[in-house]
């Protein structure tokens, strides 16, 4: 395993666990830890963003260019994730099986379209 891959693995595990634990702290009412959970989750997101920068630096790649295309792709990915999550909530929380499956499939298709949007068709 290369050094850059090991560092990426280590930082992504730490950041992902911090984010997941923070979300559990914030969203499980029995834990009664909304504010500390938000702090831990934001710290996890910061670690994940640092991981992206460190990986790009160790790979010899340039920094991410923030242009209109990058921002649009990011917003589209967030929208697709929210649609998929709404479908899951329809099924698991509100008991709307048919509508939840339909909305979930729409979210999955939206996320699948990210591949040709990012990489292009050849």
PDB file of N, CA and C in Angstrom:
ATOM      1  N   UNK A   1       0.847  -1.168   0.000  1.00  0.00           N
ATOM      2  CA  UNK A   1       0.000   0.000   0.000  1.00  0.00           C
ATOM      3  C   UNK A   1       0.897   1.237   0.000  1.00  0.00           C
ATOM      4  N   UNK A   2       0.562   2.163  -0.866  1.00  0.00           N
ATOM      5  CA  UNK A   2       1.335   3.393  -0.950  1.00  0.00           C
ATOM      6  C   UNK A   2       1.018   4.294   0.233  1.00  0.00           C
ATOM      7  N   UNK A   3       1.974   5.166   0.519  1.00  0.00           N
ATOM      8  CA  UNK A   3       1.826   6.063   1.663  1.00  0.00           C
ATOM      9  C   UNK A   3       0.598   6.961   1.508  1.00  0.00           C
ATOM     10  N   UNK A   4       0.361   7.489   0.305  1.00  0.00           N
ATOM     11  CA  UNK A   4      -0.780   8.380   0.104  1.00  0.00           C
ATOM     12  C   UNK A   4      -2.097   7.636   0.302  1.00  0.00           C
ATOM     13  N   UNK A   5      -2.151   6.361  -0.106  1.00  0.00           N
ATOM     14  CA  UNK A   5      -3.371   5.585   0.086  1.00  0.00           C
ATOM     15  C   UNK A   5      -3.614   5.284   1.565  1.00  0.00           C
ATOM     16  N   UNK A   6      -2.543   5.016   2.308  1.00  0.00           N
ATOM     17  CA  UNK A   6      -2.686   4.745   3.729  1.00  0.00           C
ATOM     18  C   UNK A   6      -3.159   5.998   4.480  1.00  0.00           C
ATOM     19  N   UNK A   7      -2.578   7.142   4.142  1.00  0.00           N
ATOM     20  CA  UNK A   7      -2.979   8.391   4.793  1.00  0.00           C
ATOM     21  C   UNK A   7      -4.438   8.710   4.455  1.00  0.00           C
ATOM     22  N   UNK A   8      -4.812   8.500   3.189  1.00  0.00           N
ATOM     23  CA  UNK A   8      -6.198   8.725   2.781  1.00  0.00           C
ATOM     24  C   UNK A   8      -7.143   7.801   3.532  1.00  0.00           C
ATOM     25  N   UNK A   9      -6.785   6.535   3.646  1.00  0.00           N
ATOM     26  CA  UNK A   9      -7.599   5.567   4.376  1.00  0.00           C
ATOM     27  C   UNK A   9      -7.760   5.974   5.835  1.00  0.00           C
ATOM     28  N   UNK A  10      -6.668   6.346   6.457  1.00  0.00           N
ATOM     29  CA  UNK A  10      -6.696   6.713   7.872  1.00  0.00           C
ATOM     30  C   UNK A  10      -7.565   7.954   8.109  1.00  0.00           C
ATOM     31  N   UNK A  11      -7.349   9.000   7.316  1.00  0.00           N
ATOM     32  CA  UNK A  11      -8.122  10.226   7.500  1.00  0.00           C
ATOM     33  C   UNK A  11      -9.597  10.032   7.159  1.00  0.00           C
ATOM     34  N   UNK A  12      -9.889   9.228   6.136  1.00  0.00           N
ATOM     35  CA  UNK A  12     -11.297   9.029   5.773  1.00  0.00           C
ATOM     36  C   UNK A  12     -12.036   8.207   6.832  1.00  0.00           C
ATOM     37  N   UNK A  13     -11.364   7.240   7.431  1.00  0.00           N
ATOM     38  CA  UNK A  13     -12.005   6.465   8.502  1.00  0.00           C
ATOM     39  C   UNK A  13     -12.259   7.356   9.717  1.00  0.00           C
ATOM     40  N   UNK A  14     -11.271   8.146  10.094  1.00  0.00           N
ATOM     41  CA  UNK A  14     -11.443   9.028  11.248  1.00  0.00           C
ATOM     42  C   UNK A  14     -12.542  10.048  10.989  1.00  0.00           C
ATOM     43  N   UNK A  15     -12.513  10.692   9.835  1.00  0.00           N
ATOM     44  CA  UNK A  15     -13.529  11.685   9.511  1.00  0.00           C
ATOM     45  C   UNK A  15     -14.914  11.086   9.385  1.00  0.00           C
ATOM     46  N   UNK A  16     -15.012   9.922   8.749  1.00  0.00           N
ATOM     47  CA  UNK A  16     -16.312   9.268   8.603  1.00  0.00           C
ATOM     48  C   UNK A  16     -16.905   8.842   9.932  1.00  0.00           C
ATOM     49  N   UNK A  17     -16.063   8.307  10.811  1.00  0.00           N
ATOM     50  CA  UNK A  17     -16.551   7.906  12.136  1.00  0.00           C
ATOM     51  C   UNK A  17     -16.975   9.115  12.970  1.00  0.00           C
ATOM     52  N   UNK A  18     -16.188  10.181  12.891  1.00  0.00           N
ATOM     53  CA  UNK A  18     -16.564  11.385  13.635  1.00  0.00           C
ATOM     54  C   UNK A  18     -17.900  11.929  13.138  1.00  0.00           C
ATOM     55  N   UNK A  19     -18.075  11.946  11.814  1.00  0.00           N
ATOM     56  CA  UNK A  19     -19.331  12.445  11.254  1.00  0.00           C
ATOM     57  C   UNK A  19     -20.497  11.557  11.666  1.00  0.00           C
ATOM     58  N   UNK A  20     -20.322  10.237  11.580  1.00  0.00           N
ATOM     59  CA  UNK A  20     -21.406   9.314  11.919  1.00  0.00           C
ATOM     60  C   UNK A  20     -21.772   9.395  13.399  1.00  0.00           C
ATOM     61  N   UNK A  21     -20.774   9.437  14.255  1.00  0.00           N
ATOM     62  CA  UNK A  21     -21.053   9.528  15.689  1.00  0.00           C
ATOM     63  C   UNK A  21     -21.723  10.866  16.012  1.00  0.00           C
ATOM     64  N   UNK A  22     -21.258  11.937  15.373  1.00  0.00           N
ATOM     65  CA  UNK A  22     -21.875  13.244  15.591  1.00  0.00           C
ATOM     66  C   UNK A  22     -23.327  13.268  15.157  1.00  0.00           C
ATOM     67  N   UNK A  23     -23.631  12.636  14.032  1.00  0.00           N
ATOM     68  CA  UNK A  23     -25.020  12.577  13.571  1.00  0.00           C
ATOM     69  C   UNK A  23     -25.873  11.752  14.531  1.00  0.00           C
ATOM     70  N   UNK A  24     -25.322  10.656  15.030  1.00  0.00           N
ATOM     71  CA  UNK A  24     -26.067   9.859  16.021  1.00  0.00           C
ATOM     72  C   UNK A  24     -26.317  10.673  17.285  1.00  0.00           C
ATOM     73  N   UNK A  25     -25.298  11.400  17.729  1.00  0.00           N
ATOM     74  CA  UNK A  25     -25.465  12.226  18.926  1.00  0.00           C
ATOM     75  C   UNK A  25     -26.555  13.277  18.712  1.00  0.00           C
ATOM     76  N   UNK A  26     -26.584  13.842  17.517  1.00  0.00           N
ATOM     77  CA  UNK A  26     -27.530  14.918  17.256  1.00  0.00           C
ATOM     78  C   UNK A  26     -28.948  14.416  17.009  1.00  0.00           C
ATOM     79  N   UNK A  27     -29.087  13.242  16.420  1.00  0.00           N
ATOM     80  CA  UNK A  27     -30.404  12.817  15.952  1.00  0.00           C
ATOM     81  C   UNK A  27     -31.096  11.768  16.813  1.00  0.00           C
ATOM     82  N   UNK A  28     -30.385  11.156  17.737  1.00  0.00           N
ATOM     83  CA  UNK A  28     -31.036  10.181  18.621  1.00  0.00           C
ATOM     84  C   UNK A  28     -31.484  10.920  19.875  1.00  0.00           C
ATOM     85  N   UNK A  29     -32.801  11.054  20.056  1.00  0.00           N
ATOM     86  CA  UNK A  29     -33.294  11.877  21.170  1.00  0.00           C
ATOM     87  C   UNK A  29     -32.887  11.354  22.544  1.00  0.00           C
ATOM     88  N   UNK A  30     -32.727  10.053  22.679  1.00  0.00           N
ATOM     89  CA  UNK A  30     -32.377   9.485  23.982  1.00  0.00           C
ATOM     90  C   UNK A  30     -30.991   9.932  24.438  1.00  0.00           C
ATOM     91  N   UNK A  31     -30.129  10.260  23.512  1.00  0.00           N
ATOM     92  CA  UNK A  31     -28.773  10.666  23.875  1.00  0.00           C
ATOM     93  C   UNK A  31     -28.741  12.092  24.406  1.00  0.00           C
ATOM     94  N   UNK A  32     -29.698  12.923  23.992  1.00  0.00           N
ATOM     95  CA  UNK A  32     -29.812  14.303  24.454  1.00  0.00           C
ATOM     96  C   UNK A  32     -28.494  15.070  24.287  1.00  0.00           C
ATOM     97  N   UNK A  33     -27.927  15.003  23.082  1.00  0.00           N
ATOM     98  CA  UNK A  33     -26.632  15.639  22.825  1.00  0.00           C
ATOM     99  C   UNK A  33     -26.634  16.331  21.469  1.00  0.00           C
ATOM    100  N   UNK A  34     -27.634  17.171  21.224  1.00  0.00           N
ATOM    101  CA  UNK A  34     -27.752  17.825  19.924  1.00  0.00           C
ATOM    102  C   UNK A  34     -26.561  18.731  19.621  1.00  0.00           C
ATOM    103  N   UNK A  35     -26.249  19.672  20.497  1.00  0.00           N
ATOM    104  CA  UNK A  35     -25.172  20.631  20.220  1.00  0.00           C
ATOM    105  C   UNK A  35     -23.797  19.968  20.150  1.00  0.00           C
ATOM    106  N   UNK A  36     -23.428  19.089  21.101  1.00  0.00           N
ATOM    107  CA  UNK A  36     -22.132  18.411  20.951  1.00  0.00           C
ATOM    108  C   UNK A  36     -22.086  17.522  19.701  1.00  0.00           C
ATOM    109  N   UNK A  37     -23.229  16.945  19.337  1.00  0.00           N
ATOM    110  CA  UNK A  37     -23.265  16.118  18.139  1.00  0.00           C
ATOM    111  C   UNK A  37     -22.993  16.917  16.884  1.00  0.00           C
ATOM    112  N   UNK A  38     -23.545  18.114  16.821  1.00  0.00           N
ATOM    113  CA  UNK A  38     -23.294  18.968  15.659  1.00  0.00           C
ATOM    114  C   UNK A  38     -21.824  19.354  15.593  1.00  0.00           C
ATOM    115  N   UNK A  39     -21.220  19.640  16.732  1.00  0.00           N
ATOM    116  CA  UNK A  39     -19.800  19.997  16.768  1.00  0.00           C
ATOM    117  C   UNK A  39     -18.948  18.828  16.282  1.00  0.00           C
ATOM    118  N   UNK A  40     -19.236  17.620  16.748  1.00  0.00           N
ATOM    119  CA  UNK A  40     -18.463  16.446  16.346  1.00  0.00           C
ATOM    120  C   UNK A  40     -18.663  16.162  14.852  1.00  0.00           C
ATOM    121  N   UNK A  41     -19.882  16.298  14.352  1.00  0.00           N
ATOM    122  CA  UNK A  41     -20.148  16.060  12.933  1.00  0.00           C
ATOM    123  C   UNK A  41     -19.424  17.070  12.054  1.00  0.00           C
ATOM    124  N   UNK A  42     -19.428  18.333  12.443  1.00  0.00           N
ATOM    125  CA  UNK A  42     -18.717  19.360  11.667  1.00  0.00           C
ATOM    126  C   UNK A  42     -17.210  19.097  11.699  1.00  0.00           C
ATOM    127  N   UNK A  43     -16.691  18.660  12.839  1.00  0.00           N
ATOM    128  CA  UNK A  43     -15.270  18.303  12.919  1.00  0.00           C
ATOM    129  C   UNK A  43     -14.962  17.138  11.981  1.00  0.00           C
ATOM    130  N   UNK A  44     -15.874  16.181  11.875  1.00  0.00           N
ATOM    131  CA  UNK A  44     -15.687  15.072  10.940  1.00  0.00           C
ATOM    132  C   UNK A  44     -15.664  15.546   9.496  1.00  0.00           C
ATOM    133  N   UNK A  45     -16.534  16.487   9.152  1.00  0.00           N
ATOM    134  CA  UNK A  45     -16.544  17.036   7.795  1.00  0.00           C
ATOM    135  C   UNK A  45     -15.234  17.766   7.518  1.00  0.00           C
ATOM    136  N   UNK A  46     -14.725  18.498   8.499  1.00  0.00           N
ATOM    137  CA  UNK A  46     -13.445  19.206   8.329  1.00  0.00           C
ATOM    138  C   UNK A  46     -12.321  18.206   8.087  1.00  0.00           C
ATOM    139  N   UNK A  47     -12.286  17.107   8.841  1.00  0.00           N
ATOM    140  CA  UNK A  47     -11.259  16.080   8.645  1.00  0.00           C
ATOM    141  C   UNK A  47     -11.377  15.487   7.242  1.00  0.00           C
ATOM    142  N   UNK A  48     -12.605  15.261   6.762  1.00  0.00           N
ATOM    143  CA  UNK A  48     -12.779  14.716   5.411  1.00  0.00           C
ATOM    144  C   UNK A  48     -12.319  15.707   4.345  1.00  0.00           C
ATOM    145  N   UNK A  49     -12.581  16.986   4.540  1.00  0.00           N
ATOM    146  CA  UNK A  49     -12.096  17.988   3.584  1.00  0.00           C
ATOM    147  C   UNK A  49     -10.568  18.075   3.595  1.00  0.00           C
ATOM    148  N   UNK A  50      -9.974  17.963   4.767  1.00  0.00           N
ATOM    149  CA  UNK A  50      -8.509  17.935   4.870  1.00  0.00           C
ATOM    150  C   UNK A  50      -7.963  16.710   4.150  1.00  0.00           C
ATOM    151  N   UNK A  51      -8.668  15.574   4.278  1.00  0.00           N
ATOM    152  CA  UNK A  51      -8.245  14.353   3.606  1.00  0.00           C
ATOM    153  C   UNK A  51      -8.190  14.551   2.093  1.00  0.00           C
ATOM    154  N   UNK A  52      -9.186  15.227   1.535  1.00  0.00           N
ATOM    155  CA  UNK A  52      -9.198  15.461   0.084  1.00  0.00           C
ATOM    156  C   UNK A  52      -7.996  16.306  -0.320  1.00  0.00           C
ATOM    157  N   UNK A  53      -7.722  17.365   0.434  1.00  0.00           N
ATOM    158  CA  UNK A  53      -6.584  18.225   0.106  1.00  0.00           C
ATOM    159  C   UNK A  53      -5.257  17.496   0.245  1.00  0.00           C
ATOM    160  N   UNK A  54      -5.100  16.703   1.313  1.00  0.00           N
ATOM    161  CA  UNK A  54      -3.859  15.962   1.529  1.00  0.00           C
ATOM    162  C   UNK A  54      -3.666  14.924   0.421  1.00  0.00           C
ATOM    163  N   UNK A  55      -4.725  14.228   0.049  1.00  0.00           N
ATOM    164  CA  UNK A  55      -4.611  13.211  -1.006  1.00  0.00           C
ATOM    165  C   UNK A  55      -4.212  13.848  -2.333  1.00  0.00           C
ATOM    166  N   UNK A  56      -4.830  14.967  -2.667  1.00  0.00           N
ATOM    167  CA  UNK A  56      -4.483  15.642  -3.924  1.00  0.00           C
ATOM    168  C   UNK A  56      -3.034  16.131  -3.888  1.00  0.00           C
ATOM    169  N   UNK A  57      -2.589  16.640  -2.764  1.00  0.00           N
ATOM    170  CA  UNK A  57      -1.211  17.118  -2.635  1.00  0.00           C
ATOM    171  C   UNK A  57      -0.227  15.964  -2.765  1.00  0.00           C
ATOM    172  N   UNK A  58      -0.520  14.831  -2.106  1.00  0.00           N
ATOM    173  CA  UNK A  58       0.386  13.681  -2.166  1.00  0.00           C
ATOM    174  C   UNK A  58       0.369  13.011  -3.536  1.00  0.00           C
ATOM    175  N   UNK A  59      -0.708  13.196  -4.294  1.00  0.00           N
ATOM    176  CA  UNK A  59      -0.788  12.628  -5.645  1.00  0.00           C
ATOM    177  C   UNK A  59      -0.154  13.540  -6.683  1.00  0.00           C
ATOM    178  N   UNK A  60       0.209  14.744  -6.280  1.00  0.00           N
ATOM    179  CA  UNK A  60       0.813  15.684  -7.208  1.00  0.00           C
ATOM    180  C   UNK A  60      -0.204  16.382  -8.097  1.00  0.00           C
ATOM    181  N   UNK A  61      -1.462  16.373  -7.692  1.00  0.00           N
ATOM    182  CA  UNK A  61      -2.512  17.025  -8.475  1.00  0.00           C
ATOM    183  C   UNK A  61      -2.684  18.459  -8.003  1.00  0.00           C
ATOM    184  N   UNK A  62      -3.216  19.270  -8.898  1.00  0.00           N
ATOM    185  CA  UNK A  62      -3.480  20.662  -8.557  1.00  0.00           C
ATOM    186  C   UNK A  62      -4.674  20.743  -7.608  1.00  0.00           C
ATOM    187  N   UNK A  63      -4.810  21.859  -6.964  1.00  0.00           N
ATOM    188  CA  UNK A  63      -5.956  22.073  -6.082  1.00  0.00           C
ATOM    189  C   UNK A  63      -7.247  22.083  -6.898  1.00  0.00           C
ATOM    190  N   UNK A  64      -8.345  21.795  -6.250  1.00  0.00           N
ATOM    191  CA  UNK A  64      -9.635  21.769  -6.933  1.00  0.00           C
ATOM    192  C   UNK A  64      -9.992  23.188  -7.369  1.00  0.00           C
ATOM    193  N   UNK A  65     -10.340  23.321  -8.639  1.00  0.00           N
ATOM    194  CA  UNK A  65     -10.737  24.623  -9.173  1.00  0.00           C
ATOM    195  C   UNK A  65     -12.231  24.826  -8.948  1.00  0.00           C
ATOM    196  N   UNK A  66     -12.585  25.863  -8.253  1.00  0.00           N
ATOM    197  CA  UNK A  66     -13.989  26.168  -7.998  1.00  0.00           C
ATOM    198  C   UNK A  66     -14.515  27.063  -9.115  1.00  0.00           C
ATOM    199  N   UNK A  67     -15.194  26.440 -10.063  1.00  0.00           N
ATOM    200  CA  UNK A  67     -15.828  27.190 -11.129  1.00  0.00           C
ATOM    201  C   UNK A  67     -17.314  26.841 -11.136  1.00  0.00           C
ATOM    202  N   UNK A  68     -18.035  27.378 -12.078  1.00  0.00           N
ATOM    203  CA  UNK A  68     -19.479  27.173 -12.122  1.00  0.00           C
ATOM    204  C   UNK A  68     -19.835  25.698 -12.316  1.00  0.00           C
ATOM    205  N   UNK A  69     -19.038  24.976 -13.129  1.00  0.00           N
ATOM    206  CA  UNK A  69     -19.309  23.557 -13.366  1.00  0.00           C
ATOM    207  C   UNK A  69     -19.146  22.747 -12.077  1.00  0.00           C
ATOM    208  N   UNK A  70     -18.081  22.982 -11.337  1.00  0.00           N
ATOM    209  CA  UNK A  70     -17.846  22.248 -10.092  1.00  0.00           C
ATOM    210  C   UNK A  70     -18.954  22.516  -9.078  1.00  0.00           C
ATOM    211  N   UNK A  71     -19.351  23.762  -8.961  1.00  0.00           N
ATOM    212  CA  UNK A  71     -20.414  24.111  -8.019  1.00  0.00           C
ATOM    213  C   UNK A  71     -21.737  23.484  -8.453  1.00  0.00           C
ATOM    214  N   UNK A  72     -22.030  23.502  -9.750  1.00  0.00           N
ATOM    215  CA  UNK A  72     -23.262  22.894 -10.264  1.00  0.00           C
ATOM    216  C   UNK A  72     -23.306  21.392 -10.039  1.00  0.00           C
ATOM    217  N   UNK A  73     -22.185  20.716 -10.285  1.00  0.00           N
ATOM    218  CA  UNK A  73     -22.120  19.268 -10.064  1.00  0.00           C
ATOM    219  C   UNK A  73     -22.304  18.953  -8.583  1.00  0.00           C
ATOM    220  N   UNK A  74     -21.699  19.748  -7.720  1.00  0.00           N
ATOM    221  CA  UNK A  74     -21.835  19.530  -6.282  1.00  0.00           C
ATOM    222  C   UNK A  74     -23.284  19.708  -5.835  1.00  0.00           C
ATOM    223  N   UNK A  75     -23.919  20.774  -6.301  1.00  0.00           N
ATOM    224  CA  UNK A  75     -25.324  21.007  -5.942  1.00  0.00           C
ATOM    225  C   UNK A  75     -26.227  19.906  -6.493  1.00  0.00           C
ATOM    226  N   UNK A  76     -25.943  19.435  -7.706  1.00  0.00           N
ATOM    227  CA  UNK A  76     -26.727  18.347  -8.285  1.00  0.00           C
ATOM    228  C   UNK A  76     -26.558  17.057  -7.466  1.00  0.00           C
ATOM    229  N   UNK A  77     -25.333  16.773  -7.020  1.00  0.00           N
ATOM    230  CA  UNK A  77     -25.090  15.596  -6.183  1.00  0.00           C
ATOM    231  C   UNK A  77     -25.812  15.686  -4.850  1.00  0.00           C
ATOM    232  N   UNK A  78     -25.822  16.868  -4.262  1.00  0.00           N
ATOM    233  CA  UNK A  78     -26.546  17.071  -3.005  1.00  0.00           C
ATOM    234  C   UNK A  78     -28.037  16.873  -3.221  1.00  0.00           C
ATOM    235  N   UNK A  79     -28.570  17.413  -4.319  1.00  0.00           N
ATOM    236  CA  UNK A  79     -29.993  17.250  -4.619  1.00  0.00           C
ATOM    237  C   UNK A  79     -30.352  15.777  -4.822  1.00  0.00           C
ATOM    238  N   UNK A  80     -29.525  15.046  -5.568  1.00  0.00           N
ATOM    239  CA  UNK A  80     -29.779  13.617  -5.777  1.00  0.00           C
ATOM    240  C   UNK A  80     -29.755  12.832  -4.475  1.00  0.00           C
ATOM    241  N   UNK A  81     -28.825  13.177  -3.598  1.00  0.00           N
ATOM    242  CA  UNK A  81     -28.748  12.511  -2.302  1.00  0.00           C
ATOM    243  C   UNK A  81     -29.972  12.815  -1.450  1.00  0.00           C
ATOM    244  N   UNK A  82     -30.425  14.066  -1.477  1.00  0.00           N
ATOM    245  CA  UNK A  82     -31.623  14.428  -0.715  1.00  0.00           C
ATOM    246  C   UNK A  82     -32.870  13.726  -1.250  1.00  0.00           C
ATOM    247  N   UNK A  83     -32.982  13.574  -2.567  1.00  0.00           N
ATOM    248  CA  UNK A  83     -34.133  12.872  -3.141  1.00  0.00           C
ATOM    249  C   UNK A  83     -34.104  11.400  -2.734  1.00  0.00           C
ATOM    250  N   UNK A  84     -32.930  10.768  -2.797  1.00  0.00           N
ATOM    251  CA  UNK A  84     -32.814   9.378  -2.361  1.00  0.00           C
ATOM    252  C   UNK A  84     -33.164   9.246  -0.881  1.00  0.00           C
ATOM    253  N   UNK A  85     -32.677  10.151  -0.054  1.00  0.00           N
ATOM    254  CA  UNK A  85     -32.997  10.121   1.373  1.00  0.00           C
ATOM    255  C   UNK A  85     -34.475  10.350   1.648  1.00  0.00           C
ATOM    256  N   UNK A  86     -35.100  11.220   0.851  1.00  0.00           N
ATOM    257  CA  UNK A  86     -36.541  11.445   1.024  1.00  0.00           C
ATOM    258  C   UNK A  86     -37.316  10.175   0.696  1.00  0.00           C
ATOM    259  N   UNK A  87     -36.904   9.453  -0.329  1.00  0.00           N
ATOM    260  CA  UNK A  87     -37.548   8.182  -0.640  1.00  0.00           C
ATOM    261  C   UNK A  87     -37.397   7.178   0.486  1.00  0.00           C
ATOM    262  N   UNK A  88     -36.209   7.134   1.085  1.00  0.00           N
ATOM    263  CA  UNK A  88     -35.999   6.226   2.212  1.00  0.00           C
ATOM    264  C   UNK A  88     -36.872   6.623   3.393  1.00  0.00           C
ATOM    265  N   UNK A  89     -37.005   7.915   3.641  1.00  0.00           N
ATOM    266  CA  UNK A  89     -37.862   8.383   4.744  1.00  0.00           C
ATOM    267  C   UNK A  89     -39.324   8.062   4.478  1.00  0.00           C
ATOM    268  N   UNK A  90     -39.759   8.201   3.227  1.00  0.00           N
ATOM    269  CA  UNK A  90     -41.142   7.866   2.898  1.00  0.00           C
ATOM    270  C   UNK A  90     -41.444   6.411   3.245  1.00  0.00           C
ATOM    271  N   UNK A  91     -40.493   5.525   2.949  1.00  0.00           N
ATOM    272  CA  UNK A  91     -40.716   4.095   3.219  1.00  0.00           C
ATOM    273  C   UNK A  91     -40.594   3.790   4.701  1.00  0.00           C
ATOM    274  N   UNK A  92     -39.504   4.228   5.329  1.00  0.00           N
ATOM    275  CA  UNK A  92     -39.196   3.759   6.682  1.00  0.00           C
ATOM    276  C   UNK A  92     -39.864   4.564   7.783  1.00  0.00           C
ATOM    277  N   UNK A  93     -40.107   5.840   7.570  1.00  0.00           N
ATOM    278  CA  UNK A  93     -40.655   6.674   8.629  1.00  0.00           C
ATOM    279  C   UNK A  93     -42.156   6.852   8.474  1.00  0.00           C
ATOM    280  N   UNK A  94     -42.589   7.179   7.251  1.00  0.00           N
ATOM    281  CA  UNK A  94     -43.985   7.525   7.054  1.00  0.00           C
ATOM    282  C   UNK A  94     -44.822   6.391   6.469  1.00  0.00           C
ATOM    283  N   UNK A  95     -44.222   5.239   6.182  1.00  0.00           N
ATOM    284  CA  UNK A  95     -44.965   4.067   5.734  1.00  0.00           C
ATOM    285  C   UNK A  95     -45.567   4.183   4.335  1.00  0.00           C
ATOM    286  N   UNK A  96     -45.036   5.033   3.507  1.00  0.00           N
ATOM    287  CA  UNK A  96     -45.519   5.201   2.136  1.00  0.00           C
ATOM    288  C   UNK A  96     -44.644   4.370   1.201  1.00  0.00           C
ATOM    289  N   UNK A  97     -44.901   3.065   1.129  1.00  0.00           N
ATOM    290  CA  UNK A  97     -44.025   2.140   0.421  1.00  0.00           C
ATOM    291  C   UNK A  97     -43.889   2.470  -1.068  1.00  0.00           C
ATOM    292  N   UNK A  98     -45.000   2.615  -1.772  1.00  0.00           N
ATOM    293  CA  UNK A  98     -44.948   2.800  -3.227  1.00  0.00           C
ATOM    294  C   UNK A  98     -44.286   4.129  -3.580  1.00  0.00           C
ATOM    295  N   UNK A  99     -44.745   5.222  -2.952  1.00  0.00           N
ATOM    296  CA  UNK A  99     -44.158   6.527  -3.245  1.00  0.00           C
ATOM    297  C   UNK A  99     -42.691   6.588  -2.824  1.00  0.00           C
ATOM    298  N   UNK A 100     -42.362   5.951  -1.735  1.00  0.00           N
ATOM    299  CA  UNK A 100     -40.972   5.944  -1.282  1.00  0.00           C
ATOM    300  C   UNK A 100     -40.059   5.233  -2.259  1.00  0.00           C
ATOM    301  N   UNK A 101     -40.526   4.111  -2.803  1.00  0.00           N
ATOM    302  CA  UNK A 101     -39.718   3.383  -3.785  1.00  0.00           C
ATOM    303  C   UNK A 101     -39.554   4.218  -5.054  1.00  0.00           C
ATOM    304  N   UNK A 102     -40.629   4.857  -5.496  1.00  0.00           N
ATOM    305  CA  UNK A 102     -40.559   5.686  -6.709  1.00  0.00           C
ATOM    306  C   UNK A 102     -39.584   6.846  -6.510  1.00  0.00           C
ATOM    307  N   UNK A 103     -39.714   7.550  -5.397  1.00  0.00           N
ATOM    308  CA  UNK A 103     -38.830   8.688  -5.133  1.00  0.00           C
ATOM    309  C   UNK A 103     -37.390   8.208  -4.948  1.00  0.00           C
ATOM    310  N   UNK A 104     -37.193   7.077  -4.293  1.00  0.00           N
ATOM    311  CA  UNK A 104     -35.853   6.522  -4.113  1.00  0.00           C
ATOM    312  C   UNK A 104     -35.197   6.157  -5.432  1.00  0.00           C
ATOM    313  N   UNK A 105     -35.966   5.567  -6.338  1.00  0.00           N
ATOM    314  CA  UNK A 105     -35.420   5.217  -7.656  1.00  0.00           C
ATOM    315  C   UNK A 105     -35.047   6.481  -8.426  1.00  0.00           C
ATOM    316  N   UNK A 106     -35.873   7.508  -8.330  1.00  0.00           N
ATOM    317  CA  UNK A 106     -35.538   8.781  -8.989  1.00  0.00           C
ATOM    318  C   UNK A 106     -34.217   9.327  -8.436  1.00  0.00           C
ATOM    319  N   UNK A 107     -34.029   9.246  -7.117  1.00  0.00           N
ATOM    320  CA  UNK A 107     -32.775   9.697  -6.506  1.00  0.00           C
ATOM    321  C   UNK A 107     -31.584   8.879  -6.962  1.00  0.00           C
ATOM    322  N   UNK A 108     -31.751   7.563  -7.083  1.00  0.00           N
ATOM    323  CA  UNK A 108     -30.661   6.705  -7.560  1.00  0.00           C
ATOM    324  C   UNK A 108     -30.295   7.053  -8.995  1.00  0.00           C
ATOM    325  N   UNK A 109     -31.306   7.260  -9.839  1.00  0.00           N
ATOM    326  CA  UNK A 109     -31.045   7.616 -11.238  1.00  0.00           C
ATOM    327  C   UNK A 109     -30.330   8.968 -11.307  1.00  0.00           C
ATOM    328  N   UNK A 110     -30.748   9.912 -10.477  1.00  0.00           N
ATOM    329  CA  UNK A 110     -30.066  11.206 -10.452  1.00  0.00           C
ATOM    330  C   UNK A 110     -28.588  11.036 -10.088  1.00  0.00           C
ATOM    331  N   UNK A 111     -28.312  10.200  -9.098  1.00  0.00           N
ATOM    332  CA  UNK A 111     -26.924   9.983  -8.700  1.00  0.00           C
ATOM    333  C   UNK A 111     -26.143   9.232  -9.765  1.00  0.00           C
ATOM    334  N   UNK A 112     -26.798   8.332 -10.485  1.00  0.00           N
ATOM    335  CA  UNK A 112     -26.113   7.625 -11.573  1.00  0.00           C
ATOM    336  C   UNK A 112     -25.736   8.582 -12.702  1.00  0.00           C
ATOM    337  N   UNK A 113     -26.539   9.601 -12.920  1.00  0.00           N
ATOM    338  CA  UNK A 113     -26.229  10.578 -13.958  1.00  0.00           C
ATOM    339  C   UNK A 113     -25.010  11.427 -13.609  1.00  0.00           C
ATOM    340  N   UNK A 114     -24.557  11.373 -12.370  1.00  0.00           N
ATOM    341  CA  UNK A 114     -23.344  12.100 -12.012  1.00  0.00           C
ATOM    342  C   UNK A 114     -22.121  11.568 -12.748  1.00  0.00           C
ATOM    343  N   UNK A 115     -22.126  10.275 -13.060  1.00  0.00           N
ATOM    344  CA  UNK A 115     -20.966   9.681 -13.736  1.00  0.00           C
ATOM    345  C   UNK A 115     -20.753  10.316 -15.107  1.00  0.00           C
ATOM    346  N   UNK A 116     -21.748  10.316 -16.001  1.00  0.00           N
ATOM    347  CA  UNK A 116     -21.484  10.977 -17.281  1.00  0.00           C
ATOM    348  C   UNK A 116     -21.338  12.487 -17.171  1.00  0.00           C
ATOM    349  N   UNK A 117     -21.957  13.098 -16.163  1.00  0.00           N
ATOM    350  CA  UNK A 117     -21.794  14.539 -16.000  1.00  0.00           C
ATOM    351  C   UNK A 117     -20.338  14.859 -15.629  1.00  0.00           C
ATOM    352  N   UNK A 118     -19.755  14.071 -14.733  1.00  0.00           N
ATOM    353  CA  UNK A 118     -18.384  14.345 -14.279  1.00  0.00           C
ATOM    354  C   UNK A 118     -17.346  13.883 -15.300  1.00  0.00           C
ATOM    355  N   UNK A 119     -17.505  12.677 -15.813  1.00  0.00           N
ATOM    356  CA  UNK A 119     -16.491  12.087 -16.698  1.00  0.00           C
ATOM    357  C   UNK A 119     -16.756  12.373 -18.177  1.00  0.00           C
ATOM    358  N   UNK A 120     -17.995  12.608 -18.510  1.00  0.00           N
ATOM    359  CA  UNK A 120     -18.337  12.822 -19.917  1.00  0.00           C
ATOM    360  C   UNK A 120     -18.526  11.496 -20.635  1.00  0.00           C
ATOM    361  N   UNK A 121     -19.152  11.549 -21.790  1.00  0.00           N
ATOM    362  CA  UNK A 121     -19.351  10.358 -22.620  1.00  0.00           C
ATOM    363  C   UNK A 121     -18.307  10.346 -23.714  1.00  0.00           C
ATOM    364  N   UNK A 122     -17.736   9.178 -23.976  1.00  0.00           N
ATOM    365  CA  UNK A 122     -16.700   9.069 -25.019  1.00  0.00           C
ATOM    366  C   UNK A 122     -17.096   8.043 -26.045  1.00  0.00           C
TER     367      UNK A 122
END
